Structures are given as structure tokens and as C-alpha cells.
N, C-alpha and C. Protein backbone atom coordinates (compact mmCIF):
# COMPACT_ATOMS: atom_id res chain seq x y z
N MET A 1 66.12 -57.55 36.45
CA MET A 1 66.43 -56.45 36.17
C MET A 1 67.28 -56.49 34.90
N LYS A 2 66.83 -55.80 33.74
CA LYS A 2 67.78 -55.72 32.28
C LYS A 2 69.04 -54.94 32.63
N LEU A 3 69.98 -55.40 32.32
CA LEU A 3 71.53 -54.65 32.22
C LEU A 3 71.27 -53.61 30.97
N ASN A 4 71.68 -52.65 31.33
CA ASN A 4 71.99 -51.46 30.27
C ASN A 4 73.45 -51.61 30.01
N LEU A 5 73.89 -52.38 28.78
CA LEU A 5 75.23 -52.51 28.38
C LEU A 5 76.05 -51.37 28.31
N ASP A 6 75.70 -50.56 27.62
CA ASP A 6 76.26 -49.32 27.27
C ASP A 6 76.48 -48.42 28.54
N LYS A 7 75.61 -48.55 29.62
CA LYS A 7 76.11 -48.01 30.82
C LYS A 7 76.89 -48.64 31.48
N LEU A 8 76.74 -50.00 31.35
CA LEU A 8 77.77 -50.75 32.23
C LEU A 8 79.14 -50.59 31.42
N ARG A 9 79.16 -50.75 30.28
CA ARG A 9 80.75 -50.57 29.50
C ARG A 9 81.03 -49.20 30.02
N ASN A 10 80.58 -48.34 29.87
CA ASN A 10 81.08 -46.87 30.17
C ASN A 10 81.57 -46.72 31.63
N THR A 11 80.80 -47.60 32.69
CA THR A 11 80.97 -47.35 33.96
C THR A 11 82.49 -48.17 34.22
N LEU A 12 82.50 -49.22 33.59
CA LEU A 12 83.73 -50.05 33.77
C LEU A 12 84.94 -49.35 33.08
N ARG A 13 84.61 -48.68 32.00
CA ARG A 13 85.61 -48.08 31.31
C ARG A 13 86.30 -46.86 32.35
N THR A 14 85.26 -46.10 32.78
CA THR A 14 85.52 -44.83 33.61
C THR A 14 86.16 -45.49 34.75
N THR A 15 85.78 -46.73 35.43
CA THR A 15 86.48 -46.88 36.69
C THR A 15 88.02 -47.54 36.36
N LEU A 16 88.28 -48.13 35.32
CA LEU A 16 89.59 -48.49 34.94
C LEU A 16 90.59 -47.33 34.86
N ILE A 17 89.96 -46.45 34.22
CA ILE A 17 90.72 -45.39 33.66
C ILE A 17 90.90 -44.56 34.98
N ASP A 18 90.14 -44.36 35.92
CA ASP A 18 90.22 -43.78 37.41
C ASP A 18 91.27 -44.43 38.25
N LEU A 19 91.21 -45.59 38.16
CA LEU A 19 92.14 -46.45 38.77
C LEU A 19 93.44 -46.36 38.27
N TRP A 20 93.67 -46.38 36.79
CA TRP A 20 94.89 -46.69 36.40
C TRP A 20 95.48 -45.69 35.43
N GLU A 21 94.88 -44.65 35.10
CA GLU A 21 95.30 -43.71 34.24
C GLU A 21 96.84 -43.05 34.49
N TYR A 22 97.14 -43.05 35.73
CA TYR A 22 98.48 -42.53 35.95
C TYR A 22 99.53 -43.59 36.27
N VAL A 23 99.04 -44.73 35.96
CA VAL A 23 99.74 -46.00 36.01
C VAL A 23 100.22 -46.64 34.63
N ILE A 24 101.45 -46.97 34.44
CA ILE A 24 101.84 -47.60 33.09
C ILE A 24 101.30 -49.06 33.18
N PRO A 25 100.44 -49.55 32.31
CA PRO A 25 99.90 -50.92 32.59
C PRO A 25 100.87 -52.00 32.62
N ILE A 26 100.52 -53.19 33.18
CA ILE A 26 101.42 -54.19 33.40
C ILE A 26 102.25 -54.73 32.29
N TRP A 27 101.39 -54.73 31.22
CA TRP A 27 101.87 -55.34 29.93
C TRP A 27 103.07 -54.59 29.43
N LYS A 28 102.96 -53.20 29.75
CA LYS A 28 104.00 -52.09 29.15
C LYS A 28 105.37 -52.11 30.14
N ILE A 29 105.20 -52.38 31.44
CA ILE A 29 106.21 -52.16 32.27
C ILE A 29 107.18 -53.35 32.41
N SER A 30 106.83 -54.44 31.92
CA SER A 30 107.36 -55.72 32.20
C SER A 30 108.87 -55.73 31.39
N GLY A 31 109.78 -55.19 31.51
CA GLY A 31 110.81 -55.01 30.98
C GLY A 31 111.25 -53.83 30.57
N LEU A 32 110.63 -52.81 30.97
CA LEU A 32 110.87 -51.44 30.58
C LEU A 32 112.26 -50.99 31.30
N PHE A 33 112.61 -51.45 32.25
CA PHE A 33 113.78 -51.21 33.00
C PHE A 33 114.97 -52.27 32.62
N LYS A 34 115.93 -51.92 31.81
CA LYS A 34 116.96 -53.16 31.58
C LYS A 34 117.97 -52.92 32.70
N SER A 35 118.13 -51.62 33.25
CA SER A 35 119.01 -51.16 34.09
C SER A 35 118.80 -49.64 34.61
N ILE A 36 119.41 -49.38 35.65
CA ILE A 36 118.94 -47.96 36.37
C ILE A 36 120.27 -47.30 36.36
N LYS A 37 120.15 -46.14 35.44
CA LYS A 37 121.46 -45.70 35.35
C LYS A 37 121.66 -43.99 35.72
N SER A 38 120.60 -43.45 35.91
CA SER A 38 120.36 -42.17 36.14
C SER A 38 119.20 -41.67 37.31
N LYS A 39 119.20 -40.43 37.82
CA LYS A 39 118.09 -40.03 38.51
C LYS A 39 116.72 -40.19 38.09
N ASN A 40 116.82 -39.94 36.78
CA ASN A 40 115.40 -40.18 35.98
C ASN A 40 114.90 -41.54 35.91
N ASP A 41 116.06 -42.40 35.66
CA ASP A 41 115.53 -43.72 35.65
C ASP A 41 115.06 -44.10 37.22
N LEU A 42 115.82 -43.62 38.16
CA LEU A 42 115.42 -44.12 39.42
C LEU A 42 113.83 -43.57 39.99
N GLU A 43 113.45 -42.32 39.55
CA GLU A 43 112.40 -41.58 39.74
C GLU A 43 111.28 -42.31 39.03
N ASN A 44 111.55 -42.82 37.69
CA ASN A 44 110.42 -43.46 37.10
C ASN A 44 110.11 -44.86 37.72
N PHE A 45 111.53 -45.53 37.99
CA PHE A 45 111.08 -46.77 38.88
C PHE A 45 110.23 -46.87 40.09
N ILE A 46 110.59 -45.92 40.95
CA ILE A 46 109.88 -45.47 42.42
C ILE A 46 108.41 -45.33 42.03
N GLN A 47 108.16 -44.43 41.01
CA GLN A 47 106.69 -43.94 40.63
C GLN A 47 106.06 -45.19 40.15
N GLU A 48 106.49 -45.74 38.96
CA GLU A 48 105.79 -46.74 38.41
C GLU A 48 105.75 -48.01 39.06
N ARG A 49 106.64 -48.44 40.05
CA ARG A 49 106.40 -49.61 40.91
C ARG A 49 105.62 -49.41 41.94
N SER A 50 105.41 -48.27 42.64
CA SER A 50 104.60 -47.92 43.74
C SER A 50 103.17 -47.81 43.14
N ALA A 51 102.96 -47.24 42.00
CA ALA A 51 101.66 -47.35 41.38
C ALA A 51 101.28 -48.66 41.14
N HIS A 52 102.07 -49.48 40.57
CA HIS A 52 101.63 -50.90 40.16
C HIS A 52 101.48 -51.63 41.19
N VAL A 53 102.03 -51.72 42.36
CA VAL A 53 101.80 -52.43 43.64
C VAL A 53 100.52 -51.95 44.14
N THR A 54 100.18 -50.82 44.17
CA THR A 54 98.95 -50.01 44.62
C THR A 54 97.78 -50.65 43.81
N GLN A 55 97.81 -50.59 42.39
CA GLN A 55 96.59 -50.80 41.60
C GLN A 55 96.57 -52.39 41.72
N THR A 56 97.38 -53.27 41.56
CA THR A 56 97.31 -54.58 41.61
C THR A 56 96.63 -55.24 42.88
N THR A 57 97.22 -54.93 43.80
CA THR A 57 96.60 -55.27 45.11
C THR A 57 95.46 -54.75 45.42
N LEU A 58 95.05 -53.40 45.11
CA LEU A 58 93.76 -52.86 45.62
C LEU A 58 92.71 -53.49 44.71
N TYR A 59 93.01 -53.45 43.36
CA TYR A 59 91.93 -53.73 42.49
C TYR A 59 91.59 -55.30 42.72
N GLY A 60 92.72 -56.09 42.78
CA GLY A 60 92.63 -57.36 42.95
C GLY A 60 91.90 -57.85 44.02
N TYR A 61 92.18 -57.15 45.15
CA TYR A 61 91.46 -57.40 46.41
C TYR A 61 89.95 -57.10 46.45
N LEU A 62 89.58 -56.01 45.79
CA LEU A 62 88.35 -55.60 45.65
C LEU A 62 87.57 -56.85 44.63
N LYS A 63 88.17 -57.09 43.60
CA LYS A 63 87.50 -57.98 42.56
C LYS A 63 87.21 -59.30 43.39
N THR A 64 88.18 -59.67 44.01
CA THR A 64 88.02 -61.18 44.58
C THR A 64 87.10 -60.97 45.86
N ARG A 65 87.03 -60.01 46.61
CA ARG A 65 86.15 -60.00 47.79
C ARG A 65 84.66 -59.87 47.32
N ILE A 66 84.42 -58.96 46.25
CA ILE A 66 83.17 -58.61 45.92
C ILE A 66 82.41 -59.69 44.91
N GLY A 67 83.21 -60.53 44.35
CA GLY A 67 82.72 -61.52 43.51
C GLY A 67 81.65 -61.37 42.38
N VAL A 68 80.63 -61.99 42.53
CA VAL A 68 79.51 -61.74 41.68
C VAL A 68 78.94 -60.56 41.87
N LYS A 69 79.04 -59.75 42.77
CA LYS A 69 78.36 -58.63 42.96
C LYS A 69 79.30 -57.27 42.22
N TYR A 70 80.23 -57.81 41.68
CA TYR A 70 81.19 -56.74 41.20
C TYR A 70 80.58 -55.68 40.19
N ILE A 71 80.02 -56.37 39.27
CA ILE A 71 79.24 -55.52 38.12
C ILE A 71 78.35 -54.31 38.76
N ALA A 72 77.39 -54.96 39.77
CA ALA A 72 76.59 -53.96 40.52
C ALA A 72 77.01 -52.94 41.16
N MET A 73 78.14 -53.26 41.89
CA MET A 73 78.93 -52.27 42.52
C MET A 73 79.54 -51.31 41.87
N MET A 74 80.05 -51.81 40.47
CA MET A 74 80.55 -50.74 39.89
C MET A 74 79.55 -49.65 38.97
N GLU A 75 78.38 -49.92 39.62
CA GLU A 75 77.73 -48.56 39.13
C GLU A 75 76.90 -47.89 40.41
N ASP A 76 77.74 -48.11 41.33
CA ASP A 76 77.37 -47.28 42.68
C ASP A 76 78.49 -46.08 42.82
N GLU A 77 78.03 -44.92 42.68
CA GLU A 77 78.81 -43.88 42.58
C GLU A 77 79.61 -43.54 43.85
N ARG A 78 78.88 -44.01 44.90
CA ARG A 78 79.62 -43.84 46.16
C ARG A 78 80.86 -44.55 46.49
N PHE A 79 80.58 -46.01 45.92
CA PHE A 79 81.63 -47.02 45.97
C PHE A 79 82.74 -46.49 45.06
N LEU A 80 82.47 -46.05 43.97
CA LEU A 80 83.65 -45.51 43.05
C LEU A 80 84.48 -44.33 43.61
N LYS A 81 83.75 -43.64 44.29
CA LYS A 81 84.29 -42.46 44.94
C LYS A 81 85.19 -42.95 46.08
N SER A 82 84.78 -43.99 46.91
CA SER A 82 85.53 -44.76 47.73
C SER A 82 86.97 -45.42 47.45
N ILE A 83 86.63 -45.97 46.33
CA ILE A 83 87.92 -46.52 45.39
C ILE A 83 88.80 -45.56 45.16
N ASN A 84 88.51 -44.50 44.65
CA ASN A 84 89.36 -43.45 44.29
C ASN A 84 90.10 -42.93 45.39
N ILE A 85 89.46 -42.70 46.67
CA ILE A 85 90.13 -42.24 47.93
C ILE A 85 91.15 -43.25 48.40
N ALA A 86 90.71 -44.45 48.35
CA ALA A 86 91.70 -45.38 48.87
C ALA A 86 92.91 -45.42 47.84
N LYS A 87 92.57 -45.44 46.54
CA LYS A 87 93.73 -45.74 45.53
C LYS A 87 94.76 -44.65 45.97
N TRP A 88 94.59 -43.44 46.14
CA TRP A 88 95.61 -42.32 46.34
C TRP A 88 96.00 -42.43 47.91
N ASN A 89 95.25 -42.90 48.62
CA ASN A 89 95.95 -42.74 50.06
C ASN A 89 96.76 -44.01 50.25
N ILE A 90 96.59 -44.97 49.56
CA ILE A 90 97.38 -46.22 49.49
C ILE A 90 98.61 -45.87 48.91
N TYR A 91 98.66 -45.26 47.70
CA TYR A 91 99.59 -44.95 46.84
C TYR A 91 100.70 -43.83 47.37
N THR A 92 100.13 -42.88 48.13
CA THR A 92 101.12 -42.01 48.87
C THR A 92 102.11 -42.87 49.82
N VAL A 93 101.34 -43.93 50.45
CA VAL A 93 102.13 -44.80 51.49
C VAL A 93 103.09 -45.51 50.98
N ALA A 94 102.82 -46.19 49.81
CA ALA A 94 103.46 -46.98 49.02
C ALA A 94 104.95 -46.20 48.32
N LEU A 95 104.46 -45.09 47.74
CA LEU A 95 105.43 -44.30 47.32
C LEU A 95 106.61 -44.02 48.37
N ALA A 96 106.13 -43.66 49.49
CA ALA A 96 106.99 -43.38 50.48
C ALA A 96 107.94 -44.49 50.86
N ASP A 97 107.10 -45.79 51.06
CA ASP A 97 108.02 -47.06 51.33
C ASP A 97 108.89 -47.41 50.47
N CYS A 98 108.49 -47.17 49.17
CA CYS A 98 109.45 -47.72 48.05
C CYS A 98 110.81 -46.67 48.00
N SER A 99 110.30 -45.54 48.30
CA SER A 99 111.43 -44.18 48.02
C SER A 99 112.34 -44.55 49.34
N PHE A 100 111.95 -44.97 50.45
CA PHE A 100 113.03 -45.30 51.55
C PHE A 100 113.60 -46.50 51.41
N TYR A 101 113.05 -47.51 50.76
CA TYR A 101 113.68 -48.84 50.34
C TYR A 101 114.67 -48.68 49.61
N VAL A 102 114.67 -48.04 48.31
CA VAL A 102 115.39 -47.81 47.25
C VAL A 102 116.78 -47.05 47.76
N PHE A 103 116.56 -45.95 48.39
CA PHE A 103 117.56 -45.06 48.72
C PHE A 103 118.41 -45.66 49.86
N SER A 104 117.75 -46.52 50.87
CA SER A 104 118.52 -47.12 51.71
C SER A 104 119.24 -48.26 51.31
N TYR A 105 118.79 -48.95 50.21
CA TYR A 105 119.41 -50.12 49.59
C TYR A 105 120.83 -49.64 48.93
N LEU A 106 120.49 -48.21 48.07
CA LEU A 106 121.54 -47.77 47.37
C LEU A 106 122.70 -47.08 48.44
N ILE A 107 122.35 -46.45 49.53
CA ILE A 107 123.21 -46.20 50.30
C ILE A 107 123.97 -47.46 51.08
N ALA A 108 123.52 -48.25 51.44
CA ALA A 108 124.11 -49.26 52.03
C ALA A 108 124.94 -50.45 51.29
N GLU A 109 124.15 -50.65 50.09
CA GLU A 109 124.99 -51.60 49.34
C GLU A 109 125.49 -50.96 48.11
N LYS A 110 125.48 -49.71 47.68
CA LYS A 110 126.18 -49.35 46.44
C LYS A 110 126.99 -48.06 46.73
N ASN A 111 127.02 -47.79 47.95
CA ASN A 111 127.89 -46.53 48.30
C ASN A 111 127.27 -45.13 47.76
N LEU A 112 125.90 -45.13 47.74
CA LEU A 112 125.52 -43.62 47.30
C LEU A 112 125.64 -42.74 48.55
N LYS A 113 126.29 -41.78 48.15
CA LYS A 113 126.50 -40.72 49.06
C LYS A 113 125.63 -39.47 49.09
N GLU A 114 124.80 -39.10 48.01
CA GLU A 114 123.96 -38.04 47.88
C GLU A 114 122.50 -38.58 48.14
N ASN A 115 121.94 -38.36 49.17
CA ASN A 115 120.51 -38.87 49.76
C ASN A 115 119.50 -37.99 49.18
N ASN A 116 118.84 -38.27 48.05
CA ASN A 116 117.82 -37.23 47.45
C ASN A 116 116.32 -37.88 47.71
N CYS A 117 116.36 -38.85 48.54
CA CYS A 117 115.14 -39.36 48.93
C CYS A 117 113.68 -38.41 48.98
N LYS A 118 114.02 -37.23 49.98
CA LYS A 118 113.01 -36.44 50.18
C LYS A 118 112.64 -35.66 48.92
N GLU A 119 113.63 -35.07 48.32
CA GLU A 119 113.41 -34.26 47.01
C GLU A 119 112.60 -35.08 46.00
N MET A 120 113.27 -36.32 45.72
CA MET A 120 112.37 -37.11 44.72
C MET A 120 111.03 -37.39 45.15
N PHE A 121 110.81 -37.82 46.37
CA PHE A 121 109.51 -38.25 46.73
C PHE A 121 108.52 -37.02 46.46
N ILE A 122 109.07 -35.93 46.90
CA ILE A 122 107.94 -34.43 47.03
C ILE A 122 107.87 -34.25 45.45
N LYS A 123 108.85 -34.62 44.54
CA LYS A 123 108.67 -34.17 43.11
C LYS A 123 107.67 -35.10 42.47
N ILE A 124 107.92 -36.53 42.55
CA ILE A 124 106.82 -37.65 42.21
C ILE A 124 105.50 -37.09 42.61
N LEU A 125 105.46 -37.14 43.74
CA LEU A 125 104.16 -36.58 44.53
C LEU A 125 103.33 -35.31 43.80
N GLY A 126 104.14 -34.34 43.72
CA GLY A 126 103.81 -33.25 43.18
C GLY A 126 103.26 -33.32 41.53
N LYS A 127 103.92 -34.25 40.89
CA LYS A 127 103.36 -34.50 39.51
C LYS A 127 102.01 -35.19 39.60
N GLU A 128 101.56 -36.09 40.57
CA GLU A 128 100.28 -36.57 40.63
C GLU A 128 99.20 -35.60 40.93
N ARG A 129 99.51 -34.34 41.09
CA ARG A 129 98.33 -33.36 40.99
C ARG A 129 97.73 -33.28 39.56
N GLU A 130 98.58 -33.54 38.82
CA GLU A 130 97.95 -33.63 37.40
C GLU A 130 97.02 -34.88 37.10
N ASN A 131 97.48 -35.84 37.68
CA ASN A 131 96.45 -37.16 37.58
C ASN A 131 95.39 -37.11 38.58
N GLY A 132 95.02 -36.05 39.24
CA GLY A 132 93.82 -36.20 40.03
C GLY A 132 93.87 -36.49 41.62
N ILE A 133 94.93 -36.35 42.02
CA ILE A 133 95.19 -36.52 43.56
C ILE A 133 94.52 -35.21 44.23
N SER A 134 93.93 -35.45 45.20
CA SER A 134 93.37 -34.30 45.86
C SER A 134 94.25 -33.39 46.66
N ASP A 135 93.94 -32.21 47.00
CA ASP A 135 94.76 -31.33 47.97
C ASP A 135 95.02 -32.06 49.16
N GLU A 136 94.04 -32.43 49.82
CA GLU A 136 94.01 -33.03 51.20
C GLU A 136 94.83 -34.41 50.99
N ILE A 137 94.81 -35.10 50.26
CA ILE A 137 95.32 -36.43 50.30
C ILE A 137 97.04 -36.15 49.87
N TYR A 138 97.41 -35.13 49.02
CA TYR A 138 98.61 -34.72 48.89
C TYR A 138 99.19 -34.09 49.90
N LYS A 139 98.48 -33.28 50.60
CA LYS A 139 99.29 -32.74 51.97
C LYS A 139 99.46 -33.66 53.06
N ASN A 140 98.53 -34.70 53.40
CA ASN A 140 98.51 -35.66 54.10
C ASN A 140 99.82 -36.42 53.62
N GLY A 141 99.77 -37.06 52.63
CA GLY A 141 100.81 -37.76 52.29
C GLY A 141 102.18 -37.15 52.21
N LYS A 142 102.39 -36.11 52.01
CA LYS A 142 103.74 -35.16 51.95
C LYS A 142 104.02 -35.11 53.65
N SER A 143 102.92 -34.71 54.49
CA SER A 143 103.07 -34.58 55.97
C SER A 143 103.58 -35.95 56.58
N ASN A 144 102.92 -36.85 56.14
CA ASN A 144 103.31 -38.29 56.63
C ASN A 144 104.78 -38.50 56.17
N PHE A 145 105.10 -38.34 55.05
CA PHE A 145 106.39 -38.81 54.76
C PHE A 145 107.39 -37.91 55.37
N LEU A 146 107.37 -36.61 55.64
CA LEU A 146 108.14 -35.76 56.17
C LEU A 146 108.31 -36.31 57.78
N LYS A 147 107.27 -36.73 58.53
CA LYS A 147 107.31 -37.23 59.66
C LYS A 147 108.00 -38.48 59.82
N ARG A 148 107.91 -39.47 58.77
CA ARG A 148 108.54 -40.68 58.84
C ARG A 148 109.90 -40.74 58.66
N ILE A 149 110.44 -39.77 57.66
CA ILE A 149 111.75 -39.75 57.20
C ILE A 149 112.72 -39.48 58.54
N GLU A 150 112.10 -38.52 59.27
CA GLU A 150 112.88 -38.33 60.62
C GLU A 150 113.55 -39.51 61.24
N GLY A 151 112.89 -40.47 61.14
CA GLY A 151 112.88 -41.62 61.99
C GLY A 151 113.55 -43.01 61.20
N VAL A 152 113.81 -42.62 59.96
CA VAL A 152 114.65 -43.44 59.19
C VAL A 152 116.03 -43.58 59.30
N ASN A 153 116.37 -44.77 59.33
CA ASN A 153 117.93 -45.26 59.51
C ASN A 153 118.18 -45.73 58.01
N PHE A 154 118.68 -44.84 57.07
CA PHE A 154 119.05 -45.34 55.90
C PHE A 154 119.89 -46.24 55.64
N ASN A 155 120.83 -46.61 56.54
CA ASN A 155 121.80 -47.59 56.75
C ASN A 155 121.26 -49.24 56.45
N ASN A 156 120.10 -49.15 57.42
CA ASN A 156 119.34 -50.44 57.36
C ASN A 156 117.90 -50.56 57.12
N TYR A 157 117.25 -49.38 56.81
CA TYR A 157 115.95 -49.44 56.72
C TYR A 157 115.41 -50.42 55.46
N TYR A 158 116.17 -51.03 54.65
CA TYR A 158 116.00 -51.75 53.59
C TYR A 158 115.64 -53.20 54.02
N LEU A 159 116.45 -53.30 55.41
CA LEU A 159 116.51 -54.81 55.89
C LEU A 159 115.32 -55.12 57.02
N ASN A 160 114.72 -54.05 57.25
CA ASN A 160 113.67 -54.28 58.18
C ASN A 160 112.12 -53.93 58.05
N ASP A 161 111.55 -54.90 57.05
CA ASP A 161 110.17 -54.91 56.81
C ASP A 161 109.96 -53.44 56.21
N PRO A 162 110.77 -53.24 55.10
CA PRO A 162 110.56 -51.85 54.70
C PRO A 162 109.18 -51.54 54.05
N PHE A 163 108.26 -52.40 53.63
CA PHE A 163 107.10 -52.24 52.95
C PHE A 163 105.82 -52.42 54.23
N LYS A 164 106.04 -52.38 55.33
CA LYS A 164 105.16 -52.66 56.18
C LYS A 164 103.88 -51.76 56.20
N GLU A 165 104.22 -50.35 56.06
CA GLU A 165 103.48 -49.27 56.23
C GLU A 165 102.40 -49.12 55.05
N SER A 166 102.93 -49.69 53.72
CA SER A 166 101.84 -49.76 52.77
C SER A 166 100.90 -50.86 52.69
N GLY A 167 101.33 -52.01 53.53
CA GLY A 167 100.49 -53.07 53.77
C GLY A 167 99.39 -52.68 54.82
N GLU A 168 99.60 -51.89 55.87
CA GLU A 168 98.76 -51.52 56.64
C GLU A 168 97.76 -50.44 55.99
N ALA A 169 98.44 -49.75 54.93
CA ALA A 169 97.40 -48.72 54.35
C ALA A 169 96.53 -49.42 53.34
N LEU A 170 97.04 -50.43 52.88
CA LEU A 170 95.97 -51.07 51.95
C LEU A 170 95.04 -52.07 52.75
N TYR A 171 95.18 -52.44 53.61
CA TYR A 171 94.42 -52.98 54.74
C TYR A 171 93.30 -52.22 55.23
N TYR A 172 93.91 -51.03 55.84
CA TYR A 172 92.80 -49.76 56.15
C TYR A 172 92.02 -49.28 55.14
N TRP A 173 92.80 -48.83 54.00
CA TRP A 173 91.82 -47.79 53.23
C TRP A 173 91.03 -48.76 52.18
N SER A 174 91.15 -49.86 51.97
CA SER A 174 90.22 -50.68 51.11
C SER A 174 88.93 -50.81 51.48
N PRO A 175 87.97 -50.16 50.63
CA PRO A 175 86.43 -50.06 50.87
C PRO A 175 85.76 -51.33 51.11
N ILE A 176 86.23 -52.10 52.06
CA ILE A 176 85.37 -53.44 52.27
C ILE A 176 85.13 -53.32 53.82
N ALA A 177 83.86 -53.82 54.01
CA ALA A 177 83.18 -53.82 55.33
C ALA A 177 84.20 -54.43 56.43
N ASP A 178 84.34 -53.86 57.66
CA ASP A 178 85.41 -54.18 58.54
C ASP A 178 85.20 -55.68 58.93
N GLU A 179 84.04 -56.05 59.02
CA GLU A 179 83.70 -57.47 59.43
C GLU A 179 84.30 -58.43 58.62
N LEU A 180 84.49 -58.25 57.44
CA LEU A 180 85.07 -59.04 56.14
C LEU A 180 86.72 -58.78 56.13
N LYS A 181 86.98 -57.57 56.30
CA LYS A 181 88.49 -57.18 56.30
C LYS A 181 89.25 -58.01 57.35
N ILE A 182 88.66 -58.00 58.47
CA ILE A 182 89.27 -58.72 59.68
C ILE A 182 89.49 -60.19 59.21
N LEU A 183 88.47 -60.91 58.51
CA LEU A 183 89.02 -62.27 57.99
C LEU A 183 89.96 -62.31 56.87
N ASP A 184 90.10 -61.30 56.11
CA ASP A 184 90.90 -61.25 54.93
C ASP A 184 92.40 -60.77 55.38
N LYS A 185 92.78 -60.22 56.51
CA LYS A 185 93.60 -59.43 56.79
C LYS A 185 95.17 -60.17 56.42
N LYS A 186 95.43 -61.47 56.93
CA LYS A 186 96.50 -62.08 56.49
C LYS A 186 96.91 -62.24 54.88
N ILE A 187 95.66 -62.54 54.40
CA ILE A 187 95.71 -62.82 52.85
C ILE A 187 95.95 -61.43 52.48
N VAL A 188 95.68 -60.21 52.85
CA VAL A 188 95.54 -59.09 52.06
C VAL A 188 97.07 -58.72 52.34
N LEU A 189 97.62 -58.66 53.65
CA LEU A 189 99.12 -58.36 54.03
C LEU A 189 99.99 -59.18 53.06
N ASN A 190 99.87 -60.46 53.08
CA ASN A 190 100.53 -61.42 52.20
C ASN A 190 100.64 -60.97 50.64
N SER A 191 99.45 -60.72 50.24
CA SER A 191 99.49 -60.33 48.73
C SER A 191 100.40 -59.15 48.47
N ILE A 192 100.35 -58.12 49.27
CA ILE A 192 101.01 -56.78 48.98
C ILE A 192 102.56 -57.18 49.16
N SER A 193 103.00 -58.15 50.23
CA SER A 193 104.32 -58.58 50.46
C SER A 193 104.79 -58.99 49.41
N LEU A 194 104.08 -60.01 48.81
CA LEU A 194 104.57 -60.93 47.36
C LEU A 194 104.86 -59.99 46.40
N LYS A 195 104.10 -58.84 46.18
CA LYS A 195 104.37 -57.72 45.10
C LYS A 195 105.34 -57.25 45.60
N TRP A 196 105.73 -56.66 46.73
CA TRP A 196 106.82 -55.71 46.83
C TRP A 196 107.96 -56.78 46.89
N GLY A 197 108.04 -57.93 47.25
CA GLY A 197 109.25 -58.91 47.22
C GLY A 197 109.66 -58.83 45.53
N LEU A 198 108.78 -58.98 44.50
CA LEU A 198 109.00 -59.05 43.32
C LEU A 198 109.77 -57.63 42.99
N VAL A 199 109.31 -56.46 43.41
CA VAL A 199 109.89 -55.13 43.22
C VAL A 199 111.60 -55.22 43.71
N LYS A 200 111.57 -55.77 44.96
CA LYS A 200 112.98 -55.68 45.40
C LYS A 200 113.72 -56.65 44.64
N GLU A 201 113.52 -57.89 44.29
CA GLU A 201 114.35 -58.48 43.37
C GLU A 201 114.57 -57.75 41.99
N GLU A 202 113.66 -57.29 41.61
CA GLU A 202 113.87 -56.51 40.20
C GLU A 202 114.99 -55.42 40.51
N PHE A 203 114.67 -54.56 41.43
CA PHE A 203 115.66 -53.43 41.76
C PHE A 203 117.08 -53.91 41.93
N LYS A 204 117.28 -55.12 42.82
CA LYS A 204 118.54 -55.49 42.91
C LYS A 204 119.00 -55.77 41.39
N LYS A 205 118.42 -56.38 40.70
CA LYS A 205 118.67 -56.65 39.27
C LYS A 205 119.26 -55.76 38.52
N ARG A 206 118.24 -54.57 38.45
CA ARG A 206 118.54 -53.52 37.71
C ARG A 206 119.56 -52.76 38.14
N THR A 207 119.95 -52.83 39.24
CA THR A 207 121.35 -52.07 39.99
C THR A 207 122.45 -52.89 40.20
N LYS A 208 122.51 -54.28 39.68
CA LYS A 208 123.46 -55.14 39.81
C LYS A 208 124.77 -54.63 39.58
N ASP A 209 124.96 -53.79 38.44
CA ASP A 209 126.31 -53.21 37.94
C ASP A 209 126.41 -51.82 38.46
N LEU A 210 125.53 -51.15 39.35
CA LEU A 210 125.60 -49.80 39.79
C LEU A 210 126.39 -49.55 40.94
N ILE A 211 127.56 -48.89 40.84
CA ILE A 211 128.40 -48.57 42.12
C ILE A 211 128.62 -46.96 41.89
N PHE A 212 128.60 -46.36 43.12
CA PHE A 212 128.78 -44.91 43.29
C PHE A 212 130.18 -44.82 43.70
N ASN A 213 130.84 -43.86 43.24
CA ASN A 213 132.24 -43.59 43.62
C ASN A 213 132.16 -42.55 44.83
């Protein structure tokens, strides 16, 4: 079968835009934050790091698992649709995890008194409507967050496996056959755990000199 290079090129371009258009690319964010000094900085950090972890873990897993069949799968409209659904569902959970972690850390370690976690999450999620999140996923993401926040102890959340839920979301929503995902579970969860580990270290570094009176 001859490959239609123009079609393939357009398909790959569309896929990458669909996956990443709401995310600042890796090469642009590596050093974007020298320090976090304002609510706007905090909001940007939460949104961008949540999106970054989502894109790198989901896209990386798909590319690794599909292997040589990757090109063919990128021409399958149903598969592309499933990637988009997975992307947004994983992202809403990652956004919640990151929001809880950040505010828990600031409250416990930096003496933050004003807990704006709920307001900031809803604001960030609302902005994603412009980037293509569906009404259904938006509503589910918001509803799940509101249920979870009722049980969050912000004094110690950051110490107790704070990114577990987004790891489970990556495993659940990744459009890979269940029999294959079972074999990959440990690798998939370790992969996202390592990514969040880097985010945690970066956040501590960026807030090193931040103290709330």
C-alpha cells in the first residue's frame, strides 16, 4: 500500500495540535518560572505543569505501545477521537491533583492562610472551554473536584501520595486494549510518578524564598 505523504503529514500535524495546542511546549516551559511570586504565577504553574504531565505521559505511552503501527493508527479517526477524550479526562484529574498538592504544600510549609484552591481550579478549568474541552468532561471534571476537595486535609495532603488519582486516570483512560494495559500498569504508573516528582521538586525550588505573613 502506498502512503499518501500529504495526508499523513496533515494527520500528524492535526494530531499534535489536538494533543498539545493548549499546552506550552516542553522547550518553552523549561525555565519559564524562575520563582513564583503571585497568584497569576501560581495559576500558570498549575495549569502548565498539569498539561505537561498529561501530554508527555499519555502521548509517550501511546507511541511506545503502538510502535511500528503508530503511523497507521494516526489515520484512524476513531482512535484520534479516543485520544482527545483521554487527554481531557486525564488532564482534569491531573489539574485537581496539582491544585491540591500546591495549596497543601503552601499551607503547611509556607504559612499560606488564604486557601483559593477551589476558585483557582474552577478558573483554570473554565479557560479550557476555549481550548476544546467538551461540556460533559468539563462538568464531570468540576463535579469530581468538588467531591474530592471535601475530603482533602490541606495540612498534609502533599505528603500522602498526592498524585495517585491522575496516575489511575492515565491508566484507565489511555486508549489501549485492556489486556495490554494490565501488562503495562506498573510502567505506566511509574512513568507519571516520575513526571510528578520533577514537578514537586521544581515547585519547591520556585517557592524556596516564598513565605506568607
